[in-house]
Amino acid sequence: MSTPLRLRPGLPALEAFPQKAWNRLLVSRLRSAGMSALAYPDPRGYELLRERIATYLALSRGVECTYSSGTSRSGVA
């Protein structure tokens, strides 16, 4: 029988995290990353995410915008 997962709000079940797979993927991405990975990212946010948000807003809300006219941020205000 395996150890039960601790399901407490706000605390991840670290014992369930796939650490070996994560490390393997991380090393793979770092090896294939160029020097641009060490530079500061675009302050407006990830371009593909901005494109998708602009498309969503156009289709769902009728907002006319382009990905270059918006920003994506983390957090709440």
N, C-alpha and C. Protein backbone atom coordinates (compact mmCIF):
# COMPACT_ATOMS: atom_id res chain seq x y z
N MET A 1 0.84 -1.16 0.00
CA MET A 1 0.00 0.00 0.00
C MET A 1 0.89 1.23 0.00
N SER A 2 0.54 2.24 -0.82
CA SER A 2 1.35 3.45 -0.91
C SER A 2 0.94 4.46 0.16
N THR A 3 1.84 5.39 0.41
CA THR A 3 1.56 6.43 1.39
C THR A 3 0.49 7.37 0.85
N PRO A 4 -0.51 7.70 1.65
CA PRO A 4 -1.55 8.61 1.15
C PRO A 4 -1.00 10.01 0.90
N LEU A 5 -1.58 10.70 -0.08
CA LEU A 5 -1.17 12.05 -0.39
C LEU A 5 -1.72 13.01 0.66
N ARG A 6 -0.92 13.99 1.01
CA ARG A 6 -1.39 15.02 1.94
C ARG A 6 -2.10 16.09 1.12
N LEU A 7 -3.37 16.24 1.31
CA LEU A 7 -4.16 17.21 0.56
C LEU A 7 -4.54 18.38 1.46
N ARG A 8 -3.60 19.29 1.63
CA ARG A 8 -3.85 20.46 2.45
C ARG A 8 -3.87 21.69 1.55
N PRO A 9 -4.81 22.58 1.75
CA PRO A 9 -4.90 23.78 0.92
C PRO A 9 -3.61 24.60 0.96
N GLY A 10 -3.15 25.01 -0.21
CA GLY A 10 -1.98 25.87 -0.30
C GLY A 10 -0.64 25.15 -0.23
N LEU A 11 -0.65 23.85 0.01
CA LEU A 11 0.61 23.10 0.09
C LEU A 11 0.60 22.00 -0.96
N PRO A 12 1.54 22.02 -1.89
CA PRO A 12 1.57 20.98 -2.92
C PRO A 12 2.01 19.64 -2.35
N ALA A 13 1.56 18.57 -2.97
CA ALA A 13 1.99 17.22 -2.59
C ALA A 13 3.31 16.95 -3.31
N LEU A 14 4.41 17.41 -2.72
CA LEU A 14 5.71 17.32 -3.37
C LEU A 14 6.13 15.88 -3.65
N GLU A 15 5.68 14.96 -2.84
CA GLU A 15 6.05 13.56 -3.07
C GLU A 15 5.40 13.00 -4.34
N ALA A 16 4.38 13.68 -4.87
CA ALA A 16 3.72 13.23 -6.09
C ALA A 16 4.29 13.92 -7.33
N PHE A 17 5.20 14.88 -7.15
CA PHE A 17 5.76 15.60 -8.28
C PHE A 17 6.73 14.71 -9.05
N PRO A 18 6.63 14.67 -10.38
CA PRO A 18 7.53 13.82 -11.18
C PRO A 18 8.91 14.43 -11.35
N GLN A 19 9.70 14.42 -10.30
CA GLN A 19 10.99 15.11 -10.26
C GLN A 19 11.96 14.62 -11.34
N LYS A 20 12.06 13.32 -11.57
CA LYS A 20 13.00 12.80 -12.57
C LYS A 20 12.61 13.27 -13.97
N ALA A 21 11.33 13.20 -14.29
CA ALA A 21 10.87 13.66 -15.61
C ALA A 21 11.09 15.16 -15.76
N TRP A 22 10.82 15.92 -14.71
CA TRP A 22 11.01 17.37 -14.74
C TRP A 22 12.48 17.70 -14.99
N ASN A 23 13.38 17.05 -14.27
CA ASN A 23 14.81 17.29 -14.43
C ASN A 23 15.27 16.95 -15.85
N ARG A 24 14.78 15.83 -16.38
CA ARG A 24 15.15 15.41 -17.73
C ARG A 24 14.71 16.46 -18.76
N LEU A 25 13.47 16.95 -18.64
CA LEU A 25 12.96 17.96 -19.57
C LEU A 25 13.68 19.29 -19.40
N LEU A 26 13.99 19.66 -18.18
CA LEU A 26 14.69 20.91 -17.91
C LEU A 26 16.08 20.89 -18.53
N VAL A 27 16.82 19.82 -18.34
CA VAL A 27 18.16 19.71 -18.90
C VAL A 27 18.10 19.72 -20.43
N SER A 28 17.12 19.05 -21.00
CA SER A 28 16.96 19.03 -22.45
C SER A 28 16.71 20.43 -23.00
N ARG A 29 15.83 21.18 -22.35
CA ARG A 29 15.52 22.54 -22.81
C ARG A 29 16.73 23.46 -22.63
N LEU A 30 17.45 23.32 -21.53
CA LEU A 30 18.61 24.18 -21.31
C LEU A 30 19.70 23.91 -22.33
N ARG A 31 19.87 22.66 -22.72
CA ARG A 31 20.89 22.33 -23.72
C ARG A 31 20.54 22.90 -25.08
N SER A 32 19.25 22.95 -25.41
CA SER A 32 18.84 23.44 -26.73
C SER A 32 18.62 24.95 -26.76
N ALA A 33 18.64 25.61 -25.61
CA ALA A 33 18.41 27.05 -25.56
C ALA A 33 19.63 27.80 -26.05
N GLY A 34 19.39 28.87 -26.75
CA GLY A 34 20.49 29.71 -27.21
C GLY A 34 20.81 30.78 -26.18
N MET A 35 21.66 31.69 -26.56
CA MET A 35 22.04 32.78 -25.67
C MET A 35 20.86 33.69 -25.35
N SER A 36 19.86 33.72 -26.21
CA SER A 36 18.70 34.58 -25.97
C SER A 36 17.95 34.16 -24.70
N ALA A 37 18.13 32.93 -24.28
CA ALA A 37 17.48 32.46 -23.05
C ALA A 37 18.03 33.18 -21.82
N LEU A 38 19.20 33.77 -21.94
CA LEU A 38 19.82 34.48 -20.82
C LEU A 38 19.45 35.96 -20.80
N ALA A 39 18.81 36.43 -21.86
CA ALA A 39 18.45 37.85 -21.94
C ALA A 39 17.12 38.10 -21.24
N TYR A 40 16.82 39.36 -21.00
CA TYR A 40 15.54 39.72 -20.41
C TYR A 40 14.43 39.43 -21.42
N PRO A 41 13.31 38.93 -20.97
CA PRO A 41 12.20 38.66 -21.89
C PRO A 41 11.50 39.96 -22.30
N ASP A 42 10.64 39.87 -23.28
CA ASP A 42 9.86 41.02 -23.73
C ASP A 42 9.01 41.51 -22.56
N PRO A 43 9.12 42.79 -22.19
CA PRO A 43 8.36 43.29 -21.04
C PRO A 43 6.85 43.28 -21.27
N ARG A 44 6.41 43.16 -22.52
CA ARG A 44 4.97 43.11 -22.81
C ARG A 44 4.38 41.72 -22.54
N GLY A 45 5.24 40.73 -22.31
CA GLY A 45 4.76 39.37 -22.07
C GLY A 45 5.05 38.47 -23.25
N TYR A 46 4.76 37.21 -23.08
CA TYR A 46 5.01 36.18 -24.09
C TYR A 46 4.15 36.45 -25.33
N GLU A 47 4.77 36.56 -26.50
CA GLU A 47 4.07 36.97 -27.71
C GLU A 47 2.93 36.02 -28.09
N LEU A 48 3.16 34.72 -28.04
CA LEU A 48 2.11 33.77 -28.40
C LEU A 48 0.90 33.91 -27.47
N LEU A 49 1.15 34.13 -26.17
CA LEU A 49 0.06 34.31 -25.23
C LEU A 49 -0.72 35.58 -25.56
N ARG A 50 -0.01 36.66 -25.90
CA ARG A 50 -0.70 37.90 -26.27
C ARG A 50 -1.54 37.71 -27.53
N GLU A 51 -1.02 36.94 -28.50
CA GLU A 51 -1.78 36.66 -29.72
C GLU A 51 -3.07 35.90 -29.39
N ARG A 52 -2.95 34.89 -28.54
CA ARG A 52 -4.12 34.08 -28.18
C ARG A 52 -5.15 34.89 -27.40
N ILE A 53 -4.69 35.76 -26.51
CA ILE A 53 -5.62 36.60 -25.74
C ILE A 53 -6.35 37.56 -26.67
N ALA A 54 -5.62 38.17 -27.61
CA ALA A 54 -6.25 39.09 -28.56
C ALA A 54 -7.29 38.36 -29.40
N THR A 55 -6.98 37.14 -29.83
CA THR A 55 -7.94 36.35 -30.62
C THR A 55 -9.16 36.01 -29.78
N TYR A 56 -8.95 35.61 -28.54
CA TYR A 56 -10.06 35.29 -27.65
C TYR A 56 -10.96 36.50 -27.44
N LEU A 57 -10.35 37.65 -27.17
CA LEU A 57 -11.14 38.86 -26.94
C LEU A 57 -11.93 39.26 -28.19
N ALA A 58 -11.33 39.07 -29.36
CA ALA A 58 -12.04 39.40 -30.60
C ALA A 58 -13.23 38.48 -30.82
N LEU A 59 -13.04 37.19 -30.57
CA LEU A 59 -14.10 36.22 -30.82
C LEU A 59 -15.18 36.21 -29.75
N SER A 60 -14.78 36.34 -28.50
CA SER A 60 -15.76 36.20 -27.42
C SER A 60 -16.39 37.51 -26.98
N ARG A 61 -15.65 38.62 -27.13
CA ARG A 61 -16.14 39.90 -26.61
C ARG A 61 -16.32 40.95 -27.68
N GLY A 62 -15.89 40.65 -28.90
CA GLY A 62 -15.99 41.63 -29.97
C GLY A 62 -15.03 42.79 -29.84
N VAL A 63 -13.97 42.61 -29.08
CA VAL A 63 -12.97 43.66 -28.87
C VAL A 63 -12.02 43.67 -30.05
N GLU A 64 -11.83 44.83 -30.64
CA GLU A 64 -10.89 44.95 -31.74
C GLU A 64 -9.52 45.32 -31.18
N CYS A 65 -8.62 44.36 -31.19
CA CYS A 65 -7.27 44.61 -30.70
C CYS A 65 -6.31 43.66 -31.40
N THR A 66 -5.03 43.98 -31.30
CA THR A 66 -4.00 43.11 -31.84
C THR A 66 -3.08 42.72 -30.68
N TYR A 67 -2.31 41.70 -30.90
CA TYR A 67 -1.42 41.26 -29.81
C TYR A 67 -0.38 42.32 -29.49
N SER A 68 -0.06 43.17 -30.44
CA SER A 68 0.95 44.20 -30.17
C SER A 68 0.40 45.37 -29.36
N SER A 69 -0.93 45.43 -29.21
CA SER A 69 -1.51 46.53 -28.44
C SER A 69 -1.80 46.17 -26.99
N GLY A 70 -1.44 44.97 -26.58
CA GLY A 70 -1.72 44.55 -25.21
C GLY A 70 -0.51 44.00 -24.52
N THR A 71 -0.68 43.76 -23.23
CA THR A 71 0.37 43.14 -22.43
C THR A 71 -0.24 42.00 -21.64
N SER A 72 0.58 41.06 -21.24
CA SER A 72 0.13 39.98 -20.36
C SER A 72 0.98 40.03 -19.10
N ARG A 73 0.35 39.96 -17.98
CA ARG A 73 1.05 40.06 -16.69
C ARG A 73 0.62 38.93 -15.78
N SER A 74 1.44 38.63 -14.82
CA SER A 74 1.06 37.66 -13.80
C SER A 74 0.58 38.41 -12.57
N GLY A 75 -0.20 37.73 -11.77
CA GLY A 75 -0.68 38.35 -10.54
C GLY A 75 -2.07 38.92 -10.69
N VAL A 76 -2.50 39.59 -9.65
CA VAL A 76 -3.82 40.20 -9.64
C VAL A 76 -3.71 41.64 -9.17
N ALA A 77 -4.73 42.42 -9.49
CA ALA A 77 -4.71 43.82 -9.05
C ALA A 77 -5.97 44.12 -8.28
